[in-house]
PDB file of N, CA and C in Angstrom:
ATOM      1  N   UNK A   1       5.659   7.498 -32.296  1.00  0.00           N
ATOM      2  CA  UNK A   1       5.076   7.603 -30.887  1.00  0.00           C
ATOM      3  C   UNK A   1       6.113   8.054 -30.178  1.00  0.00           C
ATOM      4  N   UNK A   2       5.842   9.008 -29.304  1.00  0.00           N
ATOM      5  CA  UNK A   2       7.099   9.480 -28.409  1.00  0.00           C
ATOM      6  C   UNK A   2       7.642   8.653 -27.058  1.00  0.00           C
ATOM      7  N   UNK A   3       8.853   8.237 -27.023  1.00  0.00           N
ATOM      8  CA  UNK A   3       9.712   7.441 -26.191  1.00  0.00           C
ATOM      9  C   UNK A   3       9.520   8.209 -24.876  1.00  0.00           C
ATOM     10  N   UNK A   4       9.413   6.958 -23.729  1.00  0.00           N
ATOM     11  CA  UNK A   4       9.395   6.822 -22.189  1.00  0.00           C
ATOM     12  C   UNK A   4      10.445   7.177 -21.981  1.00  0.00           C
ATOM     13  N   UNK A   5      10.992   7.901 -20.969  1.00  0.00           N
ATOM     14  CA  UNK A   5      12.277   7.989 -20.312  1.00  0.00           C
ATOM     15  C   UNK A   5      12.478   7.262 -19.517  1.00  0.00           C
ATOM     16  N   UNK A   6      13.257   6.477 -19.217  1.00  0.00           N
ATOM     17  CA  UNK A   6      13.658   5.758 -18.367  1.00  0.00           C
ATOM     18  C   UNK A   6      13.420   6.221 -16.315  1.00  0.00           C
ATOM     19  N   UNK A   7      14.041   7.657 -16.869  1.00  0.00           N
ATOM     20  CA  UNK A   7      14.009   8.286 -15.204  1.00  0.00           C
ATOM     21  C   UNK A   7      12.678   8.801 -14.946  1.00  0.00           C
ATOM     22  N   UNK A   8      12.626   8.462 -13.626  1.00  0.00           N
ATOM     23  CA  UNK A   8      10.724   8.905 -12.870  1.00  0.00           C
ATOM     24  C   UNK A   8      11.185  10.819 -13.066  1.00  0.00           C
ATOM     25  N   UNK A   9      10.333  11.391 -13.297  1.00  0.00           N
ATOM     26  CA  UNK A   9       9.953  12.916 -13.580  1.00  0.00           C
ATOM     27  C   UNK A   9      10.051  12.838 -11.534  1.00  0.00           C
ATOM     28  N   UNK A  10      10.919  14.219 -11.336  1.00  0.00           N
ATOM     29  CA  UNK A  10      10.817  14.603 -10.058  1.00  0.00           C
ATOM     30  C   UNK A  10      10.153  16.136 -10.213  1.00  0.00           C
ATOM     31  N   UNK A  11       9.417  16.060  -8.727  1.00  0.00           N
ATOM     32  CA  UNK A  11       8.618  17.425  -8.773  1.00  0.00           C
ATOM     33  C   UNK A  11       9.599  18.560  -8.950  1.00  0.00           C
ATOM     34  N   UNK A  12       9.121  19.529  -9.266  1.00  0.00           N
ATOM     35  CA  UNK A  12       9.732  20.588  -9.232  1.00  0.00           C
ATOM     36  C   UNK A  12       9.913  21.417  -7.519  1.00  0.00           C
ATOM     37  N   UNK A  13      10.988  22.140  -7.605  1.00  0.00           N
ATOM     38  CA  UNK A  13      11.226  22.288  -5.893  1.00  0.00           C
ATOM     39  C   UNK A  13      10.299  23.201  -5.914  1.00  0.00           C
ATOM     40  N   UNK A  14      10.012  24.097  -6.522  1.00  0.00           N
ATOM     41  CA  UNK A  14       8.968  24.774  -6.450  1.00  0.00           C
ATOM     42  C   UNK A  14       7.162  24.841  -6.092  1.00  0.00           C
ATOM     43  N   UNK A  15       7.507  23.138  -6.312  1.00  0.00           N
ATOM     44  CA  UNK A  15       5.614  22.181  -6.416  1.00  0.00           C
ATOM     45  C   UNK A  15       4.463  23.443  -5.732  1.00  0.00           C
ATOM     46  N   UNK A  16       3.294  23.631  -5.585  1.00  0.00           N
ATOM     47  CA  UNK A  16       2.692  23.976  -5.102  1.00  0.00           C
ATOM     48  C   UNK A  16       2.206  23.254  -3.890  1.00  0.00           C
ATOM     49  N   UNK A  17       2.365  23.654  -2.884  1.00  0.00           N
ATOM     50  CA  UNK A  17       1.792  22.338  -1.549  1.00  0.00           C
ATOM     51  C   UNK A  17       0.908  23.054  -1.024  1.00  0.00           C
ATOM     52  N   UNK A  18       0.202  22.103  -0.517  1.00  0.00           N
ATOM     53  CA  UNK A  18      -1.048  22.298   0.396  1.00  0.00           C
ATOM     54  C   UNK A  18      -0.997  23.414   1.515  1.00  0.00           C
ATOM     55  N   UNK A  19      -2.008  23.780   2.142  1.00  0.00           N
ATOM     56  CA  UNK A  19      -1.876  24.052   3.782  1.00  0.00           C
ATOM     57  C   UNK A  19      -1.388  23.396   4.394  1.00  0.00           C
ATOM     58  N   UNK A  20      -0.560  24.125   5.368  1.00  0.00           N
ATOM     59  CA  UNK A  20      -0.307  23.110   6.758  1.00  0.00           C
ATOM     60  C   UNK A  20       1.041  22.134   6.377  1.00  0.00           C
ATOM     61  N   UNK A  21       1.672  22.279   4.759  1.00  0.00           N
ATOM     62  CA  UNK A  21       2.911  21.951   4.097  1.00  0.00           C
ATOM     63  C   UNK A  21       3.866  22.560   4.499  1.00  0.00           C
ATOM     64  N   UNK A  22       4.924  22.129   4.446  1.00  0.00           N
ATOM     65  CA  UNK A  22       6.115  23.060   5.345  1.00  0.00           C
ATOM     66  C   UNK A  22       7.223  22.128   3.905  1.00  0.00           C
ATOM     67  N   UNK A  23       7.662  23.519   3.349  1.00  0.00           N
ATOM     68  CA  UNK A  23       8.437  22.722   2.710  1.00  0.00           C
ATOM     69  C   UNK A  23      10.250  22.462   3.008  1.00  0.00           C
ATOM     70  N   UNK A  24      10.608  21.229   2.405  1.00  0.00           N
ATOM     71  CA  UNK A  24      11.842  20.819   3.091  1.00  0.00           C
ATOM     72  C   UNK A  24      12.878  21.742   2.379  1.00  0.00           C
ATOM     73  N   UNK A  25      14.811  21.574   3.118  1.00  0.00           N
ATOM     74  CA  UNK A  25      15.283  21.987   2.023  1.00  0.00           C
ATOM     75  C   UNK A  25      16.262  21.587   1.893  1.00  0.00           C
ATOM     76  N   UNK A  26      15.991  20.258   2.702  1.00  0.00           N
ATOM     77  CA  UNK A  26      17.122  19.165   2.691  1.00  0.00           C
ATOM     78  C   UNK A  26      18.507  18.875   3.288  1.00  0.00           C
ATOM     79  N   UNK A  27      18.778  19.736   4.586  1.00  0.00           N
ATOM     80  CA  UNK A  27      19.596  20.208   4.901  1.00  0.00           C
ATOM     81  C   UNK A  27      19.292  19.457   6.607  1.00  0.00           C
ATOM     82  N   UNK A  28      18.958  18.022   6.892  1.00  0.00           N
ATOM     83  CA  UNK A  28      18.638  17.272   7.923  1.00  0.00           C
ATOM     84  C   UNK A  28      17.146  17.378   8.132  1.00  0.00           C
ATOM     85  N   UNK A  29      17.108  16.598   8.965  1.00  0.00           N
ATOM     86  CA  UNK A  29      15.711  16.271   9.663  1.00  0.00           C
ATOM     87  C   UNK A  29      15.438  17.246  10.320  1.00  0.00           C
ATOM     88  N   UNK A  30      14.234  18.310  10.148  1.00  0.00           N
ATOM     89  CA  UNK A  30      13.798  19.418  11.023  1.00  0.00           C
ATOM     90  C   UNK A  30      12.857  18.995  12.214  1.00  0.00           C
ATOM     91  N   UNK A  31      12.434  18.214  12.197  1.00  0.00           N
ATOM     92  CA  UNK A  31      11.498  17.360  13.636  1.00  0.00           C
ATOM     93  C   UNK A  31      12.498  16.321  14.361  1.00  0.00           C
ATOM     94  N   UNK A  32      11.823  16.233  15.593  1.00  0.00           N
ATOM     95  CA  UNK A  32      12.390  15.584  16.366  1.00  0.00           C
ATOM     96  C   UNK A  32      12.036  13.860  15.827  1.00  0.00           C
ATOM     97  N   UNK A  33      13.033  13.052  16.042  1.00  0.00           N
ATOM     98  CA  UNK A  33      13.161  11.992  15.304  1.00  0.00           C
ATOM     99  C   UNK A  33      12.158  11.085  15.792  1.00  0.00           C
ATOM    100  N   UNK A  34      11.120  10.958  17.251  1.00  0.00           N
ATOM    101  CA  UNK A  34      10.182   9.964  17.082  1.00  0.00           C
ATOM    102  C   UNK A  34       8.970  10.629  16.458  1.00  0.00           C
ATOM    103  N   UNK A  35       9.206  11.875  15.889  1.00  0.00           N
ATOM    104  CA  UNK A  35       7.648  12.557  15.314  1.00  0.00           C
ATOM    105  C   UNK A  35       7.179  11.249  14.258  1.00  0.00           C
ATOM    106  N   UNK A  36       6.214  11.505  14.160  1.00  0.00           N
ATOM    107  CA  UNK A  36       5.406  10.864  12.618  1.00  0.00           C
ATOM    108  C   UNK A  36       5.060  12.078  11.584  1.00  0.00           C
ATOM    109  N   UNK A  37       5.684  12.912  11.168  1.00  0.00           N
ATOM    110  CA  UNK A  37       4.982  13.513  10.047  1.00  0.00           C
ATOM    111  C   UNK A  37       4.478  12.866   9.140  1.00  0.00           C
ATOM    112  N   UNK A  38       3.496  13.230   7.881  1.00  0.00           N
ATOM    113  CA  UNK A  38       3.244  13.343   6.572  1.00  0.00           C
ATOM    114  C   UNK A  38       4.757  13.860   5.998  1.00  0.00           C
ATOM    115  N   UNK A  39       4.701  13.018   4.700  1.00  0.00           N
ATOM    116  CA  UNK A  39       6.104  13.147   3.759  1.00  0.00           C
ATOM    117  C   UNK A  39       5.336  13.130   2.125  1.00  0.00           C
ATOM    118  N   UNK A  40       5.734  14.088   1.750  1.00  0.00           N
ATOM    119  CA  UNK A  40       5.724  14.385   0.372  1.00  0.00           C
ATOM    120  C   UNK A  40       7.545  14.186  -0.506  1.00  0.00           C
ATOM    121  N   UNK A  41       7.209  12.890  -0.862  1.00  0.00           N
ATOM    122  CA  UNK A  41       9.370  13.115  -1.599  1.00  0.00           C
ATOM    123  C   UNK A  41       9.229  13.615  -3.154  1.00  0.00           C
ATOM    124  N   UNK A  42       9.759  13.718  -3.660  1.00  0.00           N
ATOM    125  CA  UNK A  42      10.619  14.450  -5.372  1.00  0.00           C
ATOM    126  C   UNK A  42       9.606  13.816  -6.133  1.00  0.00           C
ATOM    127  N   UNK A  43       9.455  12.012  -5.506  1.00  0.00           N
ATOM    128  CA  UNK A  43       8.689  11.758  -6.449  1.00  0.00           C
ATOM    129  C   UNK A  43       7.440  11.540  -6.482  1.00  0.00           C
ATOM    130  N   UNK A  44       6.669  12.257  -5.833  1.00  0.00           N
ATOM    131  CA  UNK A  44       5.381  12.513  -5.742  1.00  0.00           C
ATOM    132  C   UNK A  44       4.681  11.698  -4.327  1.00  0.00           C
ATOM    133  N   UNK A  45       5.351  10.614  -4.177  1.00  0.00           N
ATOM    134  CA  UNK A  45       4.627   9.880  -3.493  1.00  0.00           C
ATOM    135  C   UNK A  45       4.884  10.719  -1.587  1.00  0.00           C
ATOM    136  N   UNK A  46       3.433  10.179  -0.930  1.00  0.00           N
ATOM    137  CA  UNK A  46       3.489  10.865  -0.090  1.00  0.00           C
ATOM    138  C   UNK A  46       2.849   9.853   1.243  1.00  0.00           C
ATOM    139  N   UNK A  47       3.376   9.700   2.402  1.00  0.00           N
ATOM    140  CA  UNK A  47       2.792   9.372   3.496  1.00  0.00           C
ATOM    141  C   UNK A  47       2.484   9.686   4.606  1.00  0.00           C
ATOM    142  N   UNK A  48       1.343   8.895   4.648  1.00  0.00           N
ATOM    143  CA  UNK A  48       0.276   9.767   5.749  1.00  0.00           C
ATOM    144  C   UNK A  48       1.267  10.107   6.898  1.00  0.00           C
ATOM    145  N   UNK A  49       0.460  11.164   7.981  1.00  0.00           N
ATOM    146  CA  UNK A  49       0.656  11.173   9.231  1.00  0.00           C
ATOM    147  C   UNK A  49       0.479  10.358  10.146  1.00  0.00           C
ATOM    148  N   UNK A  50       1.649   9.674  10.972  1.00  0.00           N
ATOM    149  CA  UNK A  50       1.518   9.020  11.446  1.00  0.00           C
ATOM    150  C   UNK A  50       2.401   7.700  11.249  1.00  0.00           C
ATOM    151  N   UNK A  51       2.432   7.495   9.553  1.00  0.00           N
ATOM    152  CA  UNK A  51       2.866   6.100   9.270  1.00  0.00           C
ATOM    153  C   UNK A  51       4.133   5.562   9.574  1.00  0.00           C
ATOM    154  N   UNK A  52       5.262   6.381   9.296  1.00  0.00           N
ATOM    155  CA  UNK A  52       6.459   6.308   9.774  1.00  0.00           C
ATOM    156  C   UNK A  52       7.060   7.393  10.969  1.00  0.00           C
ATOM    157  N   UNK A  53       8.075   6.783  11.272  1.00  0.00           N
ATOM    158  CA  UNK A  53       8.586   7.845  12.217  1.00  0.00           C
ATOM    159  C   UNK A  53       9.871   8.651  11.520  1.00  0.00           C
ATOM    160  N   UNK A  54       9.792   9.682  11.903  1.00  0.00           N
ATOM    161  CA  UNK A  54      11.191  10.498  11.036  1.00  0.00           C
ATOM    162  C   UNK A  54      12.507  10.202  10.975  1.00  0.00           C
ATOM    163  N   UNK A  55      12.782   9.384  12.120  1.00  0.00           N
ATOM    164  CA  UNK A  55      14.590   8.178  11.981  1.00  0.00           C
ATOM    165  C   UNK A  55      14.230   7.208  11.393  1.00  0.00           C
ATOM    166  N   UNK A  56      13.132   6.977  11.145  1.00  0.00           N
ATOM    167  CA  UNK A  56      12.933   5.887   9.829  1.00  0.00           C
ATOM    168  C   UNK A  56      13.500   6.352   8.843  1.00  0.00           C
ATOM    169  N   UNK A  57      13.042   7.627   8.021  1.00  0.00           N
ATOM    170  CA  UNK A  57      13.608   8.269   7.053  1.00  0.00           C
ATOM    171  C   UNK A  57      15.103   8.685   7.447  1.00  0.00           C
ATOM    172  N   UNK A  58      15.665   8.661   8.389  1.00  0.00           N
ATOM    173  CA  UNK A  58      16.992   9.175   8.808  1.00  0.00           C
ATOM    174  C   UNK A  58      18.005   8.367   8.137  1.00  0.00           C
ATOM    175  N   UNK A  59      17.381   6.633   8.562  1.00  0.00           N
ATOM    176  CA  UNK A  59      18.156   5.497   8.522  1.00  0.00           C
ATOM    177  C   UNK A  59      17.798   4.993   7.423  1.00  0.00           C
ATOM    178  N   UNK A  60      17.590   5.660   5.887  1.00  0.00           N
ATOM    179  CA  UNK A  60      16.902   4.379   4.817  1.00  0.00           C
ATOM    180  C   UNK A  60      18.037   3.777   4.094  1.00  0.00           C
ATOM    181  N   UNK A  61      18.041   3.314   3.398  1.00  0.00           N
ATOM    182  CA  UNK A  61      18.812   2.649   2.399  1.00  0.00           C
ATOM    183  C   UNK A  61      19.758   2.931   1.977  1.00  0.00           C
ATOM    184  N   UNK A  62      19.531   3.997   1.391  1.00  0.00           N
ATOM    185  CA  UNK A  62      20.540   4.532   0.796  1.00  0.00           C
ATOM    186  C   UNK A  62      21.374   6.003   1.383  1.00  0.00           C
ATOM    187  N   UNK A  63      20.516   5.722   2.898  1.00  0.00           N
ATOM    188  CA  UNK A  63      21.464   7.252   3.516  1.00  0.00           C
ATOM    189  C   UNK A  63      20.412   8.402   3.712  1.00  0.00           C
ATOM    190  N   UNK A  64      19.918   9.441   4.599  1.00  0.00           N
ATOM    191  CA  UNK A  64      18.686   9.927   5.086  1.00  0.00           C
ATOM    192  C   UNK A  64      17.985  10.770   4.075  1.00  0.00           C
ATOM    193  N   UNK A  65      16.695  10.394   4.185  1.00  0.00           N
ATOM    194  CA  UNK A  65      15.739  11.161   2.972  1.00  0.00           C
ATOM    195  C   UNK A  65      15.588  12.369   3.128  1.00  0.00           C
ATOM    196  N   UNK A  66      16.139  12.894   4.341  1.00  0.00           N
ATOM    197  CA  UNK A  66      16.442  14.281   5.283  1.00  0.00           C
ATOM    198  C   UNK A  66      17.483  14.810   4.571  1.00  0.00           C
ATOM    199  N   UNK A  67      18.603  14.085   4.126  1.00  0.00           N
ATOM    200  CA  UNK A  67      19.920  15.172   3.909  1.00  0.00           C
ATOM    201  C   UNK A  67      20.181  15.033   2.844  1.00  0.00           C
ATOM    202  N   UNK A  68      19.565  15.505   1.538  1.00  0.00           N
ATOM    203  CA  UNK A  68      19.937  15.914   0.202  1.00  0.00           C
ATOM    204  C   UNK A  68      20.407  17.163  -0.366  1.00  0.00           C
ATOM    205  N   UNK A  69      20.751  17.797   0.227  1.00  0.00           N
ATOM    206  CA  UNK A  69      21.344  19.174  -0.315  1.00  0.00           C
ATOM    207  C   UNK A  69      22.686  18.732  -0.832  1.00  0.00           C
ATOM    208  N   UNK A  70      23.259  19.510  -1.762  1.00  0.00           N
ATOM    209  CA  UNK A  70      24.460  19.020  -2.465  1.00  0.00           C
ATOM    210  C   UNK A  70      24.941  17.655  -3.186  1.00  0.00           C
ATOM    211  N   UNK A  71      23.457  17.034  -3.293  1.00  0.00           N
ATOM    212  CA  UNK A  71      24.086  15.318  -3.992  1.00  0.00           C
ATOM    213  C   UNK A  71      23.063  15.360  -5.114  1.00  0.00           C
ATOM    214  N   UNK A  72      23.353  14.446  -5.814  1.00  0.00           N
ATOM    215  CA  UNK A  72      22.204  14.158  -7.079  1.00  0.00           C
ATOM    216  C   UNK A  72      20.685  13.805  -6.818  1.00  0.00           C
ATOM    217  N   UNK A  73      19.752  14.383  -7.353  1.00  0.00           N
ATOM    218  CA  UNK A  73      18.534  14.202  -6.701  1.00  0.00           C
ATOM    219  C   UNK A  73      17.985  12.693  -6.868  1.00  0.00           C
ATOM    220  N   UNK A  74      17.402  12.563  -6.133  1.00  0.00           N
ATOM    221  CA  UNK A  74      16.737  10.974  -6.093  1.00  0.00           C
ATOM    222  C   UNK A  74      15.015  11.215  -5.625  1.00  0.00           C
ATOM    223  N   UNK A  75      14.707   9.871  -6.352  1.00  0.00           N
ATOM    224  CA  UNK A  75      12.767  10.349  -6.366  1.00  0.00           C
ATOM    225  C   UNK A  75      12.541   9.896  -3.921  1.00  0.00           C
ATOM    226  N   UNK A  76      13.281   9.983  -3.617  1.00  0.00           N
ATOM    227  CA  UNK A  76      12.973   9.297  -2.208  1.00  0.00           C
ATOM    228  C   UNK A  76      13.849  11.127  -1.215  1.00  0.00           C
ATOM    229  N   UNK A  77      14.055  11.703  -1.905  1.00  0.00           N
ATOM    230  CA  UNK A  77      14.362  12.756  -1.404  1.00  0.00           C
ATOM    231  C   UNK A  77      13.073  13.574  -0.833  1.00  0.00           C
ATOM    232  N   UNK A  78      12.800  13.961   0.445  1.00  0.00           N
ATOM    233  CA  UNK A  78      11.912  14.526   0.941  1.00  0.00           C
ATOM    234  C   UNK A  78      11.694  15.879   0.698  1.00  0.00           C
ATOM    235  N   UNK A  79      10.870  16.153   0.239  1.00  0.00           N
ATOM    236  CA  UNK A  79      10.811  17.873  -0.644  1.00  0.00           C
ATOM    237  C   UNK A  79      10.242  18.384   0.927  1.00  0.00           C
ATOM    238  N   UNK A  80       8.977  18.576   1.132  1.00  0.00           N
ATOM    239  CA  UNK A  80       7.707  19.252   2.167  1.00  0.00           C
ATOM    240  C   UNK A  80       7.809  17.556   3.115  1.00  0.00           C
ATOM    241  N   UNK A  81       7.113  18.154   4.337  1.00  0.00           N
ATOM    242  CA  UNK A  81       6.323  17.292   5.205  1.00  0.00           C
ATOM    243  C   UNK A  81       5.413  18.365   6.137  1.00  0.00           C
ATOM    244  N   UNK A  82       4.491  17.945   6.434  1.00  0.00           N
ATOM    245  CA  UNK A  82       3.207  18.039   7.468  1.00  0.00           C
ATOM    246  C   UNK A  82       3.508  17.485   8.681  1.00  0.00           C
ATOM    247  N   UNK A  83       3.653  18.630   9.682  1.00  0.00           N
ATOM    248  CA  UNK A  83       3.966  18.078  11.265  1.00  0.00           C
ATOM    249  C   UNK A  83       2.427  17.551  12.080  1.00  0.00           C
ATOM    250  N   UNK A  84       1.614  17.933  11.465  1.00  0.00           N
ATOM    251  CA  UNK A  84       0.397  17.531  12.037  1.00  0.00           C
ATOM    252  C   UNK A  84       0.000  18.385  13.108  1.00  0.00           C
TER     253      UNK A  84
END
């Protein structure tokens, strides 16, 4: 029986995105802080359009989910967003 890794598998940077989704480069928040875009995290988790403001992802527990370029990958890094 194969061993399971305790580390979650993160989506690759080049994962196929649906129509309307915009790939995020990790350089900071690309939308107005009061916008409520749909979000796709590198963990594969999605938040629907209108669920939370971009500002809530800016001030997340461990730092910004928007700004991840140049640091170790996390499942809470925003890989893509859909402005709606």
